[in-house]
N, C-alpha and C. Protein backbone atom coordinates (compact mmCIF):
# COMPACT_ATOMS: atom_id res chain seq x y z
N MET A 1 0.82 -1.18 0.00
CA MET A 1 0.00 0.00 0.00
C MET A 1 0.87 1.26 0.00
N LEU A 2 1.95 1.24 0.79
CA LEU A 2 2.85 2.40 0.83
C LEU A 2 3.48 2.67 -0.53
N VAL A 3 3.84 1.64 -1.25
CA VAL A 3 4.46 1.81 -2.57
C VAL A 3 3.50 2.53 -3.50
N ASN A 4 2.23 2.16 -3.49
CA ASN A 4 1.25 2.83 -4.34
C ASN A 4 1.09 4.30 -3.97
N ILE A 5 1.17 4.61 -2.71
CA ILE A 5 1.10 6.00 -2.26
C ILE A 5 2.35 6.75 -2.70
N PHE A 6 3.52 6.14 -2.53
CA PHE A 6 4.78 6.79 -2.89
C PHE A 6 4.86 7.06 -4.39
N LYS A 7 4.22 6.23 -5.20
CA LYS A 7 4.21 6.45 -6.65
C LYS A 7 3.52 7.75 -7.02
N LYS A 8 2.61 8.21 -6.16
CA LYS A 8 1.86 9.44 -6.42
C LYS A 8 2.59 10.69 -5.92
N LEU A 9 3.64 10.49 -5.13
CA LEU A 9 4.40 11.61 -4.58
C LEU A 9 5.44 12.12 -5.56
N ASP A 10 5.87 13.34 -5.35
CA ASP A 10 6.97 13.93 -6.09
C ASP A 10 8.26 13.16 -5.75
N VAL A 11 9.16 13.05 -6.68
CA VAL A 11 10.42 12.32 -6.49
C VAL A 11 11.17 12.84 -5.26
N VAL A 12 11.27 14.13 -5.13
CA VAL A 12 11.98 14.73 -3.99
C VAL A 12 11.29 14.40 -2.68
N ASP A 13 9.97 14.38 -2.67
CA ASP A 13 9.23 14.05 -1.45
C ASP A 13 9.51 12.63 -0.98
N VAL A 14 9.67 11.72 -1.92
CA VAL A 14 9.99 10.33 -1.56
C VAL A 14 11.42 10.24 -1.02
N ILE A 15 12.37 10.86 -1.75
CA ILE A 15 13.78 10.75 -1.39
C ILE A 15 14.11 11.49 -0.10
N MET A 16 13.70 12.75 -0.03
CA MET A 16 14.11 13.60 1.09
C MET A 16 13.10 13.63 2.24
N GLY A 17 11.93 13.02 2.05
CA GLY A 17 10.92 13.06 3.10
C GLY A 17 10.46 11.69 3.55
N ALA A 18 9.66 11.04 2.73
CA ALA A 18 9.01 9.78 3.11
C ALA A 18 10.02 8.70 3.50
N SER A 19 11.13 8.63 2.78
CA SER A 19 12.11 7.57 3.06
C SER A 19 12.78 7.74 4.41
N ARG A 20 12.64 8.90 5.02
CA ARG A 20 13.32 9.19 6.29
C ARG A 20 12.40 9.11 7.50
N VAL A 21 11.15 8.68 7.30
CA VAL A 21 10.19 8.63 8.40
C VAL A 21 10.49 7.48 9.35
N CYS A 22 10.59 6.27 8.82
CA CYS A 22 10.87 5.10 9.64
C CYS A 22 11.41 3.99 8.73
N ILE A 23 11.80 2.88 9.31
CA ILE A 23 12.41 1.80 8.53
C ILE A 23 11.42 1.20 7.54
N THR A 24 10.15 1.11 7.91
CA THR A 24 9.14 0.56 7.00
C THR A 24 8.99 1.44 5.77
N TRP A 25 8.94 2.75 5.97
CA TRP A 25 8.82 3.68 4.85
C TRP A 25 10.11 3.70 4.03
N PHE A 26 11.24 3.57 4.71
CA PHE A 26 12.53 3.51 4.02
C PHE A 26 12.57 2.33 3.06
N LEU A 27 12.16 1.16 3.54
CA LEU A 27 12.16 -0.04 2.71
C LEU A 27 11.15 0.08 1.56
N ALA A 28 9.99 0.64 1.84
CA ALA A 28 8.98 0.82 0.80
C ALA A 28 9.46 1.79 -0.28
N SER A 29 10.22 2.81 0.12
CA SER A 29 10.71 3.80 -0.85
C SER A 29 11.77 3.23 -1.79
N HIS A 30 12.31 2.08 -1.48
CA HIS A 30 13.31 1.44 -2.34
C HIS A 30 12.70 0.43 -3.31
N ASN A 31 11.38 0.35 -3.35
CA ASN A 31 10.72 -0.56 -4.28
C ASN A 31 10.98 -0.12 -5.72
N LYS A 32 11.41 -1.05 -6.56
CA LYS A 32 11.80 -0.73 -7.94
C LYS A 32 10.68 -0.10 -8.77
N THR A 33 9.45 -0.45 -8.50
CA THR A 33 8.35 0.05 -9.34
C THR A 33 8.14 1.56 -9.17
N ILE A 34 8.57 2.12 -8.06
CA ILE A 34 8.47 3.57 -7.85
C ILE A 34 9.38 4.30 -8.83
N TRP A 35 10.49 3.67 -9.19
CA TRP A 35 11.56 4.35 -9.92
C TRP A 35 11.58 4.02 -11.41
N ASN A 36 10.56 3.34 -11.93
CA ASN A 36 10.52 3.06 -13.37
C ASN A 36 10.34 4.32 -14.20
N THR A 37 9.52 5.24 -13.74
CA THR A 37 9.27 6.50 -14.44
C THR A 37 9.57 7.66 -13.51
N ILE A 38 10.46 8.54 -13.94
CA ILE A 38 10.84 9.70 -13.15
C ILE A 38 10.33 10.95 -13.85
N LYS A 39 9.56 11.76 -13.12
CA LYS A 39 8.99 12.98 -13.70
C LYS A 39 9.59 14.20 -13.00
N PHE A 40 10.34 14.98 -13.77
CA PHE A 40 10.89 16.23 -13.27
C PHE A 40 10.16 17.42 -13.85
N ASN A 41 9.20 17.18 -14.72
CA ASN A 41 8.54 18.28 -15.43
C ASN A 41 7.54 19.05 -14.59
N ASP A 42 7.09 18.49 -13.49
CA ASP A 42 6.08 19.19 -12.69
C ASP A 42 6.52 19.46 -11.26
N THR A 43 7.82 19.48 -11.04
CA THR A 43 8.32 19.74 -9.69
C THR A 43 9.01 21.10 -9.64
N ASP A 44 8.81 21.81 -8.55
CA ASP A 44 9.47 23.10 -8.38
C ASP A 44 10.60 23.02 -7.36
N SER A 45 10.89 21.84 -6.86
CA SER A 45 11.91 21.69 -5.83
C SER A 45 13.26 21.26 -6.39
N ILE A 46 13.36 21.12 -7.71
CA ILE A 46 14.62 20.73 -8.34
C ILE A 46 15.07 21.83 -9.29
N VAL A 47 16.32 22.22 -9.15
CA VAL A 47 16.91 23.17 -10.07
C VAL A 47 17.53 22.35 -11.19
N VAL A 48 16.82 22.25 -12.32
CA VAL A 48 17.30 21.43 -13.44
C VAL A 48 18.33 22.19 -14.25
N ASP A 49 18.18 23.49 -14.36
CA ASP A 49 19.11 24.30 -15.12
C ASP A 49 20.36 24.50 -14.29
N ASN A 50 21.46 23.89 -14.70
CA ASN A 50 22.70 23.92 -13.93
C ASN A 50 23.40 25.27 -13.98
N THR A 51 22.91 26.21 -14.79
CA THR A 51 23.51 27.53 -14.85
C THR A 51 22.99 28.43 -13.73
N LYS A 52 21.90 28.01 -13.08
CA LYS A 52 21.33 28.80 -11.98
C LYS A 52 22.00 28.41 -10.67
N PRO A 53 22.17 29.37 -9.76
CA PRO A 53 22.79 29.05 -8.47
C PRO A 53 21.89 28.16 -7.62
N HIS A 54 22.52 27.39 -6.75
CA HIS A 54 21.80 26.53 -5.82
C HIS A 54 21.10 27.41 -4.78
N LEU A 55 19.82 27.22 -4.58
CA LEU A 55 19.05 28.03 -3.64
C LEU A 55 18.99 27.34 -2.29
N GLN A 56 19.26 28.07 -1.25
CA GLN A 56 19.24 27.51 0.09
C GLN A 56 17.90 27.78 0.76
N ASP A 57 17.53 26.91 1.68
CA ASP A 57 16.30 27.10 2.46
C ASP A 57 16.57 28.17 3.51
N ASN A 58 15.79 29.24 3.49
CA ASN A 58 16.02 30.33 4.43
C ASN A 58 15.00 30.34 5.56
N ASN A 59 14.28 29.24 5.75
CA ASN A 59 13.30 29.08 6.84
C ASN A 59 12.19 30.14 6.81
N ASN A 60 11.91 30.71 5.67
CA ASN A 60 10.79 31.65 5.53
C ASN A 60 9.59 30.98 4.92
N GLY A 61 9.49 29.68 5.07
CA GLY A 61 8.37 28.96 4.49
C GLY A 61 8.61 28.56 3.05
N GLU A 62 9.75 28.94 2.50
CA GLU A 62 10.06 28.55 1.13
C GLU A 62 10.58 27.12 1.10
N LYS A 63 10.25 26.42 0.04
CA LYS A 63 10.67 25.04 -0.10
C LYS A 63 12.15 24.98 -0.49
N HIS A 64 12.88 24.06 0.11
CA HIS A 64 14.28 23.86 -0.24
C HIS A 64 14.37 23.36 -1.67
N ARG A 65 15.33 23.84 -2.42
CA ARG A 65 15.50 23.40 -3.81
C ARG A 65 16.81 22.63 -3.92
N TYR A 66 16.78 21.55 -4.68
CA TYR A 66 17.92 20.67 -4.82
C TYR A 66 18.43 20.69 -6.26
N GLN A 67 19.72 20.55 -6.42
CA GLN A 67 20.30 20.45 -7.76
C GLN A 67 19.91 19.10 -8.36
N LEU A 68 19.73 19.08 -9.65
CA LEU A 68 19.36 17.85 -10.36
C LEU A 68 20.36 16.73 -10.08
N ARG A 69 21.63 17.07 -10.08
CA ARG A 69 22.67 16.05 -9.85
C ARG A 69 22.50 15.37 -8.50
N GLU A 70 22.19 16.15 -7.45
CA GLU A 70 21.96 15.57 -6.12
C GLU A 70 20.83 14.54 -6.15
N ILE A 71 19.74 14.90 -6.81
CA ILE A 71 18.57 14.03 -6.88
C ILE A 71 18.86 12.79 -7.71
N LEU A 72 19.59 12.94 -8.81
CA LEU A 72 19.92 11.78 -9.65
C LEU A 72 20.81 10.79 -8.90
N ILE A 73 21.73 11.29 -8.10
CA ILE A 73 22.58 10.40 -7.30
C ILE A 73 21.72 9.62 -6.29
N GLU A 74 20.77 10.31 -5.67
CA GLU A 74 19.88 9.64 -4.71
C GLU A 74 18.97 8.63 -5.42
N ILE A 75 18.47 8.97 -6.60
CA ILE A 75 17.63 8.03 -7.35
C ILE A 75 18.42 6.78 -7.67
N ASN A 76 19.69 6.94 -8.00
CA ASN A 76 20.56 5.80 -8.28
C ASN A 76 20.63 4.87 -7.08
N LYS A 77 20.70 5.43 -5.89
CA LYS A 77 20.75 4.62 -4.66
C LYS A 77 19.42 3.92 -4.40
N PHE A 78 18.32 4.61 -4.65
CA PHE A 78 17.00 4.08 -4.35
C PHE A 78 16.53 3.04 -5.36
N SER A 79 16.82 3.25 -6.63
CA SER A 79 16.20 2.45 -7.67
C SER A 79 16.82 1.07 -7.86
N ARG A 80 18.10 0.94 -7.61
CA ARG A 80 18.84 -0.32 -7.82
C ARG A 80 18.86 -0.76 -9.28
N ALA A 81 18.33 0.03 -10.17
CA ALA A 81 18.34 -0.23 -11.61
C ALA A 81 18.06 1.09 -12.32
N ALA A 82 18.47 1.17 -13.56
CA ALA A 82 18.23 2.40 -14.32
C ALA A 82 16.74 2.55 -14.60
N PRO A 83 16.17 3.73 -14.31
CA PRO A 83 14.77 3.98 -14.64
C PRO A 83 14.52 3.86 -16.14
N VAL A 84 13.30 3.53 -16.50
CA VAL A 84 12.95 3.31 -17.90
C VAL A 84 12.63 4.63 -18.61
N GLU A 85 11.93 5.54 -17.91
CA GLU A 85 11.49 6.78 -18.54
C GLU A 85 11.82 7.99 -17.66
N PHE A 86 12.24 9.07 -18.32
CA PHE A 86 12.46 10.36 -17.67
C PHE A 86 11.63 11.41 -18.38
N PHE A 87 11.02 12.29 -17.62
CA PHE A 87 10.28 13.41 -18.19
C PHE A 87 10.85 14.69 -17.60
N PHE A 88 11.29 15.59 -18.49
CA PHE A 88 11.83 16.89 -18.10
C PHE A 88 10.97 17.99 -18.69
N ASN A 89 11.04 19.17 -18.09
CA ASN A 89 10.40 20.35 -18.63
C ASN A 89 11.07 20.71 -19.95
N VAL A 90 10.31 21.19 -20.89
CA VAL A 90 10.84 21.51 -22.22
C VAL A 90 11.94 22.58 -22.15
N ASN A 91 11.94 23.42 -21.14
CA ASN A 91 12.95 24.47 -20.99
C ASN A 91 14.16 24.04 -20.17
N SER A 92 14.25 22.79 -19.82
CA SER A 92 15.34 22.29 -18.97
C SER A 92 16.64 22.20 -19.74
N ASN A 93 17.71 22.53 -19.04
CA ASN A 93 19.05 22.41 -19.59
C ASN A 93 19.74 21.28 -18.83
N VAL A 94 19.62 20.06 -19.33
CA VAL A 94 20.15 18.89 -18.64
C VAL A 94 21.49 18.53 -19.27
N LEU A 95 22.51 18.43 -18.43
CA LEU A 95 23.84 18.09 -18.91
C LEU A 95 23.98 16.60 -19.16
N GLU A 96 24.80 16.27 -20.12
CA GLU A 96 25.05 14.87 -20.44
C GLU A 96 25.66 14.13 -19.25
N GLU A 97 26.51 14.83 -18.48
CA GLU A 97 27.13 14.22 -17.30
C GLU A 97 26.08 13.82 -16.26
N ASP A 98 25.03 14.65 -16.15
CA ASP A 98 23.96 14.33 -15.19
C ASP A 98 23.19 13.08 -15.62
N LEU A 99 22.93 12.97 -16.90
CA LEU A 99 22.22 11.79 -17.39
C LEU A 99 23.10 10.54 -17.29
N ALA A 100 24.41 10.71 -17.40
CA ALA A 100 25.33 9.56 -17.26
C ALA A 100 25.27 8.99 -15.84
N ILE A 101 25.01 9.83 -14.87
CA ILE A 101 24.90 9.36 -13.47
C ILE A 101 23.80 8.31 -13.36
N ILE A 102 22.66 8.61 -13.91
CA ILE A 102 21.51 7.72 -13.77
C ILE A 102 21.59 6.53 -14.71
N SER A 103 22.23 6.68 -15.86
CA SER A 103 22.30 5.57 -16.81
C SER A 103 23.20 4.45 -16.31
N ASN A 104 24.07 4.77 -15.37
CA ASN A 104 24.96 3.75 -14.80
C ASN A 104 24.32 3.02 -13.64
N GLY A 105 23.01 3.34 -13.36
CA GLY A 105 22.31 2.75 -12.22
C GLY A 105 22.33 1.27 -12.22
């Protein structure tokens, strides 16, 4: 049941939030089916454009933003296999080096 719920969450929410709640949620967050399709096109918590500076959480209620490379490294740890599909925003500037991180999963 947890896996089905985690599939509906944003990638960052699973990696940086749900997986850190308890051991049961940690194990559920490592289920391979969660990581078959990765969607970055509808998230505002990832800085996909590597030319923009990394934004820090200033505790003013703003959401922390993570560099794409950080998230791809974490996805590699969680998925145990290379994801099948990636979806990016049409305006994203994704570096080949970043995609190489995940392709070696």
